[in-house]
């Protein structure tokens, strides 16, 4: 498993190859769709399935694709769903989350769980702080925090078998 120092040691020659750009675009679109069409309203936001796509992209294709899928796809969904005030926050929060998960996730279930445990707090902290700013700290703690934790856990539990099945079906993803 990479160390924290290795997290941002990116090989820039491989950063934006045509295949990385194509897969990032495909997973960003899938994240937007999963966020928009499976949106369960809760509090001032919504629980969605975008996290599943972000984690799947990160597990299969690494940090760059996970980060772009999360940042671009989820921010686009915010704008299209009328939550434009959250789009910049979402771009950073979900982008960092997807990047960190993708950089840290190895092949084992344990490493993927640890990667989500390291990446999800970026998303959780960003949204809790944003809601605290917009709605107050009590709302952020009582409503936003539990939903974000639930979204990360559900995202991991569903993305894990999906990514494993896709990896078996498409071994070239390794």
N, C-alpha and C. Protein backbone atom coordinates (compact mmCIF):
# COMPACT_ATOMS: atom_id res chain seq x y z
N UNK A 1 0.85 -1.18 0.00
CA UNK A 1 0.00 0.00 0.00
C UNK A 1 0.89 1.24 0.00
N UNK A 2 0.56 2.23 -0.85
CA UNK A 2 1.40 3.43 -0.91
C UNK A 2 1.38 4.21 0.40
N UNK A 3 2.45 4.91 0.65
CA UNK A 3 2.50 5.78 1.83
C UNK A 3 1.86 7.11 1.49
N UNK A 4 1.66 7.96 2.50
CA UNK A 4 1.06 9.28 2.27
C UNK A 4 1.92 10.09 1.30
N UNK A 5 3.23 9.97 1.43
CA UNK A 5 4.14 10.69 0.54
C UNK A 5 3.96 10.27 -0.92
N UNK A 6 3.70 8.99 -1.13
CA UNK A 6 3.49 8.47 -2.47
C UNK A 6 2.17 8.92 -3.09
N UNK A 7 1.26 9.36 -2.26
CA UNK A 7 -0.09 9.70 -2.71
C UNK A 7 -0.08 10.71 -3.85
N UNK A 8 0.76 11.73 -3.74
CA UNK A 8 0.77 12.77 -4.75
C UNK A 8 1.96 12.68 -5.69
N UNK A 9 2.64 11.54 -5.70
CA UNK A 9 3.74 11.28 -6.61
C UNK A 9 3.15 10.71 -7.90
N UNK A 10 2.71 11.60 -8.78
CA UNK A 10 2.00 11.21 -9.99
C UNK A 10 2.97 11.22 -11.17
N UNK A 11 2.91 10.19 -11.99
CA UNK A 11 3.69 10.12 -13.21
C UNK A 11 2.99 10.96 -14.28
N UNK A 12 3.48 12.15 -14.54
CA UNK A 12 2.81 13.08 -15.43
C UNK A 12 2.79 12.61 -16.89
N UNK A 13 3.70 11.71 -17.27
CA UNK A 13 3.66 11.15 -18.62
C UNK A 13 2.42 10.29 -18.83
N UNK A 14 1.92 9.71 -17.77
CA UNK A 14 0.75 8.84 -17.85
C UNK A 14 -0.52 9.51 -17.35
N UNK A 15 -0.44 10.78 -16.99
CA UNK A 15 -1.56 11.46 -16.35
C UNK A 15 -2.78 11.58 -17.24
N UNK A 16 -2.62 12.09 -18.45
CA UNK A 16 -3.77 12.32 -19.32
C UNK A 16 -3.57 11.70 -20.70
N UNK A 17 -3.39 10.42 -20.71
CA UNK A 17 -3.31 9.69 -21.97
C UNK A 17 -4.72 9.64 -22.58
N UNK A 18 -4.84 9.35 -23.85
CA UNK A 18 -6.18 9.26 -24.44
C UNK A 18 -7.10 8.28 -23.72
N UNK A 19 -6.56 7.16 -23.29
CA UNK A 19 -7.42 6.19 -22.59
C UNK A 19 -7.86 6.71 -21.22
N UNK A 20 -6.98 7.43 -20.52
CA UNK A 20 -7.36 8.02 -19.23
C UNK A 20 -8.43 9.08 -19.43
N UNK A 21 -8.28 9.90 -20.44
CA UNK A 21 -9.28 10.94 -20.73
C UNK A 21 -10.62 10.29 -21.08
N UNK A 22 -10.59 9.27 -21.93
CA UNK A 22 -11.82 8.60 -22.35
C UNK A 22 -12.52 7.92 -21.17
N UNK A 23 -11.75 7.19 -20.36
CA UNK A 23 -12.37 6.52 -19.22
C UNK A 23 -12.87 7.52 -18.18
N UNK A 24 -12.13 8.61 -18.00
CA UNK A 24 -12.57 9.66 -17.07
C UNK A 24 -13.89 10.26 -17.53
N UNK A 25 -14.00 10.53 -18.82
CA UNK A 25 -15.24 11.10 -19.35
C UNK A 25 -16.40 10.13 -19.20
N UNK A 26 -16.15 8.87 -19.50
CA UNK A 26 -17.21 7.86 -19.37
C UNK A 26 -17.67 7.71 -17.93
N UNK A 27 -16.71 7.64 -17.01
CA UNK A 27 -17.08 7.50 -15.60
C UNK A 27 -17.67 8.79 -15.02
N UNK A 28 -17.25 9.95 -15.51
CA UNK A 28 -17.85 11.20 -15.07
C UNK A 28 -19.31 11.25 -15.51
N UNK A 29 -19.59 10.85 -16.75
CA UNK A 29 -20.98 10.81 -17.22
C UNK A 29 -21.80 9.82 -16.40
N UNK A 30 -21.22 8.67 -16.13
CA UNK A 30 -21.92 7.67 -15.32
C UNK A 30 -22.18 8.19 -13.91
N UNK A 31 -21.22 8.93 -13.35
CA UNK A 31 -21.40 9.51 -12.02
C UNK A 31 -22.55 10.52 -12.04
N UNK A 32 -22.59 11.36 -13.07
CA UNK A 32 -23.67 12.33 -13.19
C UNK A 32 -25.02 11.63 -13.25
N UNK A 33 -25.12 10.61 -14.08
CA UNK A 33 -26.38 9.89 -14.23
C UNK A 33 -26.77 9.19 -12.93
N UNK A 34 -25.82 8.52 -12.30
CA UNK A 34 -26.12 7.82 -11.04
C UNK A 34 -26.53 8.79 -9.95
N UNK A 35 -25.95 9.97 -9.96
CA UNK A 35 -26.28 10.98 -8.96
C UNK A 35 -27.66 11.57 -9.22
N UNK A 36 -27.97 11.82 -10.47
CA UNK A 36 -29.22 12.49 -10.81
C UNK A 36 -30.43 11.57 -10.76
N UNK A 37 -30.28 10.35 -11.22
CA UNK A 37 -31.45 9.51 -11.38
C UNK A 37 -31.69 8.56 -10.22
N UNK A 38 -30.76 8.48 -9.31
CA UNK A 38 -30.99 7.75 -8.07
C UNK A 38 -30.65 8.72 -6.95
N UNK A 39 -31.52 9.71 -6.80
CA UNK A 39 -31.32 10.74 -5.77
C UNK A 39 -32.46 10.65 -4.77
N UNK A 40 -32.10 10.33 -3.55
CA UNK A 40 -33.07 10.18 -2.47
C UNK A 40 -32.97 11.42 -1.59
N UNK A 41 -33.99 12.31 -1.62
CA UNK A 41 -33.90 13.54 -0.84
C UNK A 41 -33.81 13.27 0.67
N UNK A 42 -32.86 13.93 1.30
CA UNK A 42 -32.71 13.87 2.75
C UNK A 42 -32.17 15.21 3.23
N UNK A 43 -32.82 15.80 4.19
CA UNK A 43 -32.35 17.08 4.71
C UNK A 43 -32.32 18.12 3.61
N UNK A 44 -31.21 18.86 3.53
CA UNK A 44 -31.10 19.89 2.50
C UNK A 44 -30.39 19.37 1.26
N UNK A 45 -30.02 18.11 1.24
CA UNK A 45 -29.33 17.52 0.10
C UNK A 45 -30.00 16.23 -0.32
N UNK A 46 -29.20 15.30 -0.80
CA UNK A 46 -29.75 14.03 -1.24
C UNK A 46 -28.72 12.93 -1.14
N UNK A 47 -29.21 11.72 -0.91
CA UNK A 47 -28.38 10.51 -0.93
C UNK A 47 -28.47 9.97 -2.35
N UNK A 48 -27.33 9.65 -2.95
CA UNK A 48 -27.35 9.21 -4.33
C UNK A 48 -26.37 8.05 -4.54
N UNK A 49 -26.40 7.52 -5.76
CA UNK A 49 -25.55 6.38 -6.09
C UNK A 49 -24.27 6.79 -6.81
N UNK A 50 -23.99 8.08 -6.87
CA UNK A 50 -22.78 8.55 -7.52
C UNK A 50 -21.52 8.00 -6.88
N UNK A 51 -21.56 7.83 -5.58
CA UNK A 51 -20.39 7.30 -4.85
C UNK A 51 -20.00 5.92 -5.34
N UNK A 52 -21.01 5.13 -5.71
CA UNK A 52 -20.75 3.78 -6.23
C UNK A 52 -19.90 3.87 -7.48
N UNK A 53 -20.24 4.78 -8.37
CA UNK A 53 -19.50 4.93 -9.63
C UNK A 53 -18.10 5.48 -9.37
N UNK A 54 -18.00 6.45 -8.48
CA UNK A 54 -16.70 7.03 -8.15
C UNK A 54 -15.76 5.96 -7.60
N UNK A 55 -16.23 5.18 -6.64
CA UNK A 55 -15.38 4.14 -6.06
C UNK A 55 -15.06 3.05 -7.08
N UNK A 56 -16.03 2.70 -7.92
CA UNK A 56 -15.77 1.70 -8.95
C UNK A 56 -14.67 2.18 -9.90
N UNK A 57 -14.76 3.43 -10.33
CA UNK A 57 -13.73 4.01 -11.21
C UNK A 57 -12.38 4.02 -10.50
N UNK A 58 -12.37 4.43 -9.26
CA UNK A 58 -11.11 4.51 -8.50
C UNK A 58 -10.50 3.13 -8.29
N UNK A 59 -11.32 2.12 -7.95
CA UNK A 59 -10.82 0.77 -7.73
C UNK A 59 -10.24 0.17 -9.01
N UNK A 60 -10.93 0.42 -10.13
CA UNK A 60 -10.52 -0.20 -11.40
C UNK A 60 -9.41 0.54 -12.11
N UNK A 61 -9.45 1.87 -12.07
CA UNK A 61 -8.59 2.64 -12.97
C UNK A 61 -7.69 3.65 -12.27
N UNK A 62 -7.75 3.73 -10.95
CA UNK A 62 -6.81 4.56 -10.21
C UNK A 62 -7.30 5.96 -9.89
N UNK A 63 -6.36 6.73 -9.35
CA UNK A 63 -6.68 8.02 -8.78
C UNK A 63 -7.08 9.10 -9.76
N UNK A 64 -6.43 9.16 -10.92
CA UNK A 64 -6.77 10.21 -11.88
C UNK A 64 -8.19 10.03 -12.39
N UNK A 65 -8.52 8.82 -12.81
CA UNK A 65 -9.87 8.56 -13.31
C UNK A 65 -10.89 8.69 -12.18
N UNK A 66 -10.57 8.16 -11.00
CA UNK A 66 -11.48 8.29 -9.86
C UNK A 66 -11.72 9.75 -9.49
N UNK A 67 -10.65 10.53 -9.50
CA UNK A 67 -10.77 11.95 -9.15
C UNK A 67 -11.56 12.74 -10.17
N UNK A 68 -11.29 12.51 -11.45
CA UNK A 68 -12.04 13.23 -12.48
C UNK A 68 -13.50 12.78 -12.54
N UNK A 69 -13.73 11.49 -12.40
CA UNK A 69 -15.11 10.99 -12.38
C UNK A 69 -15.88 11.60 -11.22
N UNK A 70 -15.25 11.64 -10.05
CA UNK A 70 -15.91 12.20 -8.89
C UNK A 70 -16.11 13.70 -8.99
N UNK A 71 -15.05 14.43 -9.29
CA UNK A 71 -15.13 15.89 -9.32
C UNK A 71 -16.03 16.41 -10.42
N UNK A 72 -15.76 16.00 -11.65
CA UNK A 72 -16.52 16.51 -12.78
C UNK A 72 -17.95 15.96 -12.78
N UNK A 73 -18.08 14.65 -12.60
CA UNK A 73 -19.41 14.04 -12.67
C UNK A 73 -20.36 14.50 -11.58
N UNK A 74 -19.90 14.55 -10.36
CA UNK A 74 -20.77 14.95 -9.25
C UNK A 74 -21.07 16.45 -9.29
N UNK A 75 -20.09 17.27 -9.68
CA UNK A 75 -20.34 18.72 -9.78
C UNK A 75 -21.34 19.01 -10.90
N UNK A 76 -21.24 18.30 -12.01
CA UNK A 76 -22.20 18.47 -13.09
C UNK A 76 -23.61 18.13 -12.62
N UNK A 77 -23.73 17.06 -11.85
CA UNK A 77 -25.04 16.69 -11.31
C UNK A 77 -25.58 17.76 -10.37
N UNK A 78 -24.72 18.33 -9.55
CA UNK A 78 -25.17 19.42 -8.66
C UNK A 78 -25.77 20.57 -9.48
N UNK A 79 -25.08 20.97 -10.52
CA UNK A 79 -25.56 22.09 -11.35
C UNK A 79 -26.89 21.71 -12.00
N UNK A 80 -26.96 20.53 -12.59
CA UNK A 80 -28.17 20.11 -13.30
C UNK A 80 -29.36 19.88 -12.37
N UNK A 81 -29.10 19.55 -11.11
CA UNK A 81 -30.18 19.32 -10.14
C UNK A 81 -30.58 20.57 -9.37
N UNK A 82 -29.91 21.68 -9.64
CA UNK A 82 -30.28 22.93 -8.97
C UNK A 82 -29.53 23.19 -7.68
N UNK A 83 -28.46 22.49 -7.45
CA UNK A 83 -27.63 22.69 -6.26
C UNK A 83 -26.30 23.35 -6.65
N UNK A 84 -26.39 24.33 -7.55
CA UNK A 84 -25.18 24.95 -8.09
C UNK A 84 -24.28 25.54 -7.01
N UNK A 85 -24.86 25.97 -5.89
CA UNK A 85 -24.03 26.54 -4.82
C UNK A 85 -23.05 25.51 -4.26
N UNK A 86 -23.37 24.23 -4.42
CA UNK A 86 -22.49 23.17 -3.92
C UNK A 86 -21.51 22.66 -4.98
N UNK A 87 -21.69 23.04 -6.25
CA UNK A 87 -20.86 22.48 -7.33
C UNK A 87 -19.36 22.68 -7.11
N UNK A 88 -18.89 23.88 -6.75
CA UNK A 88 -17.44 24.01 -6.53
C UNK A 88 -16.94 23.16 -5.36
N UNK A 89 -17.75 23.09 -4.32
CA UNK A 89 -17.40 22.27 -3.16
C UNK A 89 -17.38 20.80 -3.57
N UNK A 90 -18.37 20.40 -4.31
CA UNK A 90 -18.46 19.02 -4.78
C UNK A 90 -17.28 18.67 -5.68
N UNK A 91 -16.91 19.58 -6.58
CA UNK A 91 -15.79 19.32 -7.48
C UNK A 91 -14.53 18.98 -6.70
N UNK A 92 -14.26 19.77 -5.66
CA UNK A 92 -13.06 19.54 -4.85
C UNK A 92 -13.23 18.31 -3.96
N UNK A 93 -14.37 18.23 -3.26
CA UNK A 93 -14.58 17.14 -2.30
C UNK A 93 -14.59 15.78 -2.98
N UNK A 94 -15.40 15.63 -4.01
CA UNK A 94 -15.51 14.34 -4.69
C UNK A 94 -14.27 14.05 -5.53
N UNK A 95 -13.66 15.11 -6.07
CA UNK A 95 -12.42 14.91 -6.82
C UNK A 95 -11.31 14.38 -5.94
N UNK A 96 -11.12 15.01 -4.79
CA UNK A 96 -10.10 14.53 -3.85
C UNK A 96 -10.43 13.13 -3.35
N UNK A 97 -11.69 12.91 -3.04
CA UNK A 97 -12.10 11.59 -2.56
C UNK A 97 -11.76 10.51 -3.59
N UNK A 98 -12.18 10.70 -4.83
CA UNK A 98 -11.91 9.71 -5.88
C UNK A 98 -10.42 9.53 -6.13
N UNK A 99 -9.67 10.63 -6.10
CA UNK A 99 -8.23 10.56 -6.32
C UNK A 99 -7.55 9.76 -5.21
N UNK A 100 -7.86 10.10 -3.97
CA UNK A 100 -7.23 9.42 -2.83
C UNK A 100 -7.59 7.94 -2.82
N UNK A 101 -8.86 7.63 -3.02
CA UNK A 101 -9.28 6.22 -3.04
C UNK A 101 -8.55 5.47 -4.15
N UNK A 102 -8.49 6.06 -5.33
CA UNK A 102 -7.82 5.39 -6.44
C UNK A 102 -6.33 5.23 -6.27
N UNK A 103 -5.70 6.19 -5.63
CA UNK A 103 -4.25 6.11 -5.39
C UNK A 103 -3.90 5.07 -4.33
N UNK A 104 -4.77 4.91 -3.34
CA UNK A 104 -4.45 4.02 -2.21
C UNK A 104 -4.98 2.60 -2.37
N UNK A 105 -6.02 2.42 -3.17
CA UNK A 105 -6.64 1.09 -3.28
C UNK A 105 -5.71 0.11 -3.98
N UNK A 106 -5.53 -1.01 -3.34
CA UNK A 106 -4.79 -2.10 -3.95
C UNK A 106 -5.76 -3.14 -4.46
N UNK A 107 -5.29 -4.36 -4.57
CA UNK A 107 -6.15 -5.42 -5.10
C UNK A 107 -7.03 -6.06 -4.03
N UNK A 108 -6.60 -6.01 -2.79
CA UNK A 108 -7.35 -6.69 -1.73
C UNK A 108 -8.54 -5.85 -1.25
N UNK A 109 -9.52 -6.55 -0.71
CA UNK A 109 -10.69 -5.88 -0.13
C UNK A 109 -10.25 -4.98 1.01
N UNK A 110 -9.30 -5.45 1.79
CA UNK A 110 -8.82 -4.65 2.93
C UNK A 110 -8.21 -3.33 2.46
N UNK A 111 -7.39 -3.38 1.42
CA UNK A 111 -6.76 -2.15 0.94
C UNK A 111 -7.80 -1.19 0.36
N UNK A 112 -8.82 -1.73 -0.26
CA UNK A 112 -9.89 -0.88 -0.80
C UNK A 112 -10.70 -0.26 0.34
N UNK A 113 -10.95 -1.02 1.38
CA UNK A 113 -11.66 -0.47 2.54
C UNK A 113 -10.84 0.63 3.20
N UNK A 114 -9.54 0.41 3.33
CA UNK A 114 -8.67 1.43 3.91
C UNK A 114 -8.58 2.66 3.02
N UNK A 115 -8.60 2.45 1.72
CA UNK A 115 -8.57 3.58 0.78
C UNK A 115 -9.83 4.43 0.92
N UNK A 116 -10.98 3.78 1.05
CA UNK A 116 -12.23 4.53 1.26
C UNK A 116 -12.20 5.23 2.61
N UNK A 117 -11.66 4.56 3.62
CA UNK A 117 -11.55 5.18 4.95
C UNK A 117 -10.65 6.42 4.91
N UNK A 118 -9.69 6.44 4.00
CA UNK A 118 -8.81 7.61 3.86
C UNK A 118 -9.41 8.67 2.95
N UNK A 119 -10.14 8.26 1.92
CA UNK A 119 -10.67 9.21 0.94
C UNK A 119 -12.01 9.82 1.32
N UNK A 120 -12.89 9.03 1.90
CA UNK A 120 -14.23 9.53 2.24
C UNK A 120 -14.22 10.73 3.18
N UNK A 121 -13.31 10.80 4.15
CA UNK A 121 -13.31 11.98 5.02
C UNK A 121 -13.14 13.32 4.29
N UNK A 122 -12.52 13.32 3.11
CA UNK A 122 -12.43 14.56 2.32
C UNK A 122 -13.82 15.02 1.92
N UNK A 123 -14.63 14.09 1.43
CA UNK A 123 -16.00 14.40 1.03
C UNK A 123 -16.83 14.77 2.25
N UNK A 124 -16.73 13.97 3.29
CA UNK A 124 -17.54 14.19 4.48
C UNK A 124 -17.23 15.55 5.11
N UNK A 125 -15.97 15.85 5.31
CA UNK A 125 -15.58 17.12 5.93
C UNK A 125 -16.02 18.30 5.07
N UNK A 126 -15.84 18.21 3.76
CA UNK A 126 -16.21 19.32 2.89
C UNK A 126 -17.69 19.61 2.96
N UNK A 127 -18.52 18.58 2.92
CA UNK A 127 -19.96 18.81 2.96
C UNK A 127 -20.45 19.25 4.33
N UNK A 128 -19.89 18.69 5.37
CA UNK A 128 -20.29 19.12 6.72
C UNK A 128 -19.92 20.59 6.93
N UNK A 129 -18.73 20.98 6.50
CA UNK A 129 -18.32 22.38 6.64
C UNK A 129 -19.18 23.29 5.77
N UNK A 130 -19.50 22.87 4.56
CA UNK A 130 -20.35 23.69 3.68
C UNK A 130 -21.74 23.86 4.26
N UNK A 131 -22.33 22.79 4.75
CA UNK A 131 -23.67 22.88 5.33
C UNK A 131 -23.63 23.70 6.62
N UNK A 132 -22.57 23.56 7.39
CA UNK A 132 -22.43 24.39 8.60
C UNK A 132 -22.40 25.87 8.21
N UNK A 133 -21.74 26.20 7.13
CA UNK A 133 -21.68 27.59 6.67
C UNK A 133 -23.05 28.06 6.18
N UNK A 134 -23.73 27.25 5.35
CA UNK A 134 -25.00 27.65 4.76
C UNK A 134 -26.19 27.54 5.73
N UNK A 135 -26.18 26.50 6.57
CA UNK A 135 -27.36 26.20 7.39
C UNK A 135 -27.10 26.20 8.89
N UNK A 136 -25.85 26.21 9.31
CA UNK A 136 -25.51 26.17 10.72
C UNK A 136 -24.95 24.82 11.13
N UNK A 137 -24.15 24.84 12.17
CA UNK A 137 -23.48 23.63 12.63
C UNK A 137 -24.45 22.54 13.11
N UNK A 138 -25.53 22.88 13.83
CA UNK A 138 -26.44 21.81 14.26
C UNK A 138 -27.02 21.00 13.08
N UNK A 139 -27.39 21.70 12.02
CA UNK A 139 -27.92 21.02 10.84
C UNK A 139 -26.84 20.16 10.20
N UNK A 140 -25.63 20.69 10.13
CA UNK A 140 -24.52 19.95 9.53
C UNK A 140 -24.25 18.65 10.28
N UNK A 141 -24.24 18.73 11.60
CA UNK A 141 -23.94 17.54 12.41
C UNK A 141 -25.11 16.57 12.41
N UNK A 142 -26.32 17.09 12.56
CA UNK A 142 -27.49 16.22 12.71
C UNK A 142 -27.95 15.62 11.38
N UNK A 143 -27.85 16.38 10.29
CA UNK A 143 -28.40 15.90 9.03
C UNK A 143 -27.33 15.50 8.01
N UNK A 144 -26.36 16.34 7.80
CA UNK A 144 -25.40 16.08 6.72
C UNK A 144 -24.42 14.96 7.07
N UNK A 145 -23.86 15.00 8.25
CA UNK A 145 -22.84 14.02 8.64
C UNK A 145 -23.32 12.58 8.51
N UNK A 146 -24.48 12.23 9.07
CA UNK A 146 -24.91 10.82 8.95
C UNK A 146 -25.16 10.39 7.50
N UNK A 147 -25.72 11.29 6.69
CA UNK A 147 -25.98 10.96 5.29
C UNK A 147 -24.68 10.73 4.53
N UNK A 148 -23.69 11.58 4.77
CA UNK A 148 -22.41 11.43 4.07
C UNK A 148 -21.69 10.15 4.46
N UNK A 149 -21.74 9.82 5.73
CA UNK A 149 -21.12 8.57 6.19
C UNK A 149 -21.85 7.38 5.57
N UNK A 150 -23.18 7.43 5.58
CA UNK A 150 -23.98 6.36 4.99
C UNK A 150 -23.67 6.22 3.49
N UNK A 151 -23.57 7.35 2.80
CA UNK A 151 -23.28 7.31 1.37
C UNK A 151 -21.93 6.68 1.09
N UNK A 152 -20.94 6.99 1.90
CA UNK A 152 -19.61 6.39 1.72
C UNK A 152 -19.64 4.88 1.97
N UNK A 153 -20.32 4.47 3.02
CA UNK A 153 -20.39 3.05 3.36
C UNK A 153 -21.16 2.27 2.28
N UNK A 154 -22.32 2.78 1.88
CA UNK A 154 -23.10 2.11 0.84
C UNK A 154 -22.31 2.11 -0.47
N UNK A 155 -21.67 3.22 -0.79
CA UNK A 155 -20.87 3.29 -2.00
C UNK A 155 -19.80 2.22 -2.03
N UNK A 156 -19.10 2.04 -0.92
CA UNK A 156 -18.06 1.01 -0.83
C UNK A 156 -18.65 -0.38 -0.96
N UNK A 157 -19.72 -0.66 -0.21
CA UNK A 157 -20.30 -2.00 -0.19
C UNK A 157 -20.86 -2.43 -1.54
N UNK A 158 -21.33 -1.47 -2.34
CA UNK A 158 -21.86 -1.80 -3.66
C UNK A 158 -20.75 -1.78 -4.72
N UNK A 159 -19.84 -0.81 -4.63
CA UNK A 159 -18.76 -0.71 -5.63
C UNK A 159 -17.80 -1.89 -5.57
N UNK A 160 -17.59 -2.44 -4.40
CA UNK A 160 -16.64 -3.55 -4.26
C UNK A 160 -17.02 -4.75 -5.14
N UNK A 161 -18.24 -5.30 -5.02
CA UNK A 161 -18.56 -6.44 -5.89
C UNK A 161 -18.68 -6.05 -7.37
N UNK A 162 -19.12 -4.82 -7.65
CA UNK A 162 -19.21 -4.38 -9.04
C UNK A 162 -17.81 -4.33 -9.66
N UNK A 163 -16.87 -3.73 -8.95
CA UNK A 163 -15.50 -3.62 -9.49
C UNK A 163 -14.85 -4.99 -9.61
N UNK A 164 -15.12 -5.88 -8.67
CA UNK A 164 -14.57 -7.24 -8.75
C UNK A 164 -15.13 -7.99 -9.96
N UNK A 165 -16.43 -7.83 -10.20
CA UNK A 165 -17.06 -8.49 -11.35
C UNK A 165 -16.52 -7.92 -12.67
N UNK A 166 -16.37 -6.60 -12.72
CA UNK A 166 -15.83 -5.98 -13.94
C UNK A 166 -14.38 -6.39 -14.17
N UNK A 167 -13.62 -6.53 -13.10
CA UNK A 167 -12.23 -6.94 -13.24
C UNK A 167 -12.12 -8.38 -13.75
N UNK A 168 -13.02 -9.23 -13.29
CA UNK A 168 -13.03 -10.62 -13.79
C UNK A 168 -13.43 -10.64 -15.27
N UNK A 169 -14.40 -9.82 -15.62
CA UNK A 169 -14.90 -9.80 -17.01
C UNK A 169 -13.90 -9.12 -17.95
N UNK A 170 -13.21 -8.10 -17.48
CA UNK A 170 -12.25 -7.35 -18.28
C UNK A 170 -10.89 -7.34 -17.58
N UNK A 171 -10.14 -8.43 -17.67
CA UNK A 171 -8.86 -8.53 -16.94
C UNK A 171 -7.85 -7.47 -17.35
N UNK A 172 -8.01 -6.87 -18.53
CA UNK A 172 -7.09 -5.83 -18.96
C UNK A 172 -7.19 -4.58 -18.10
N UNK A 173 -8.20 -4.48 -17.25
CA UNK A 173 -8.33 -3.34 -16.34
C UNK A 173 -7.31 -3.38 -15.22
N UNK A 174 -6.63 -4.48 -15.02
CA UNK A 174 -5.66 -4.58 -13.94
C UNK A 174 -4.41 -3.81 -14.24
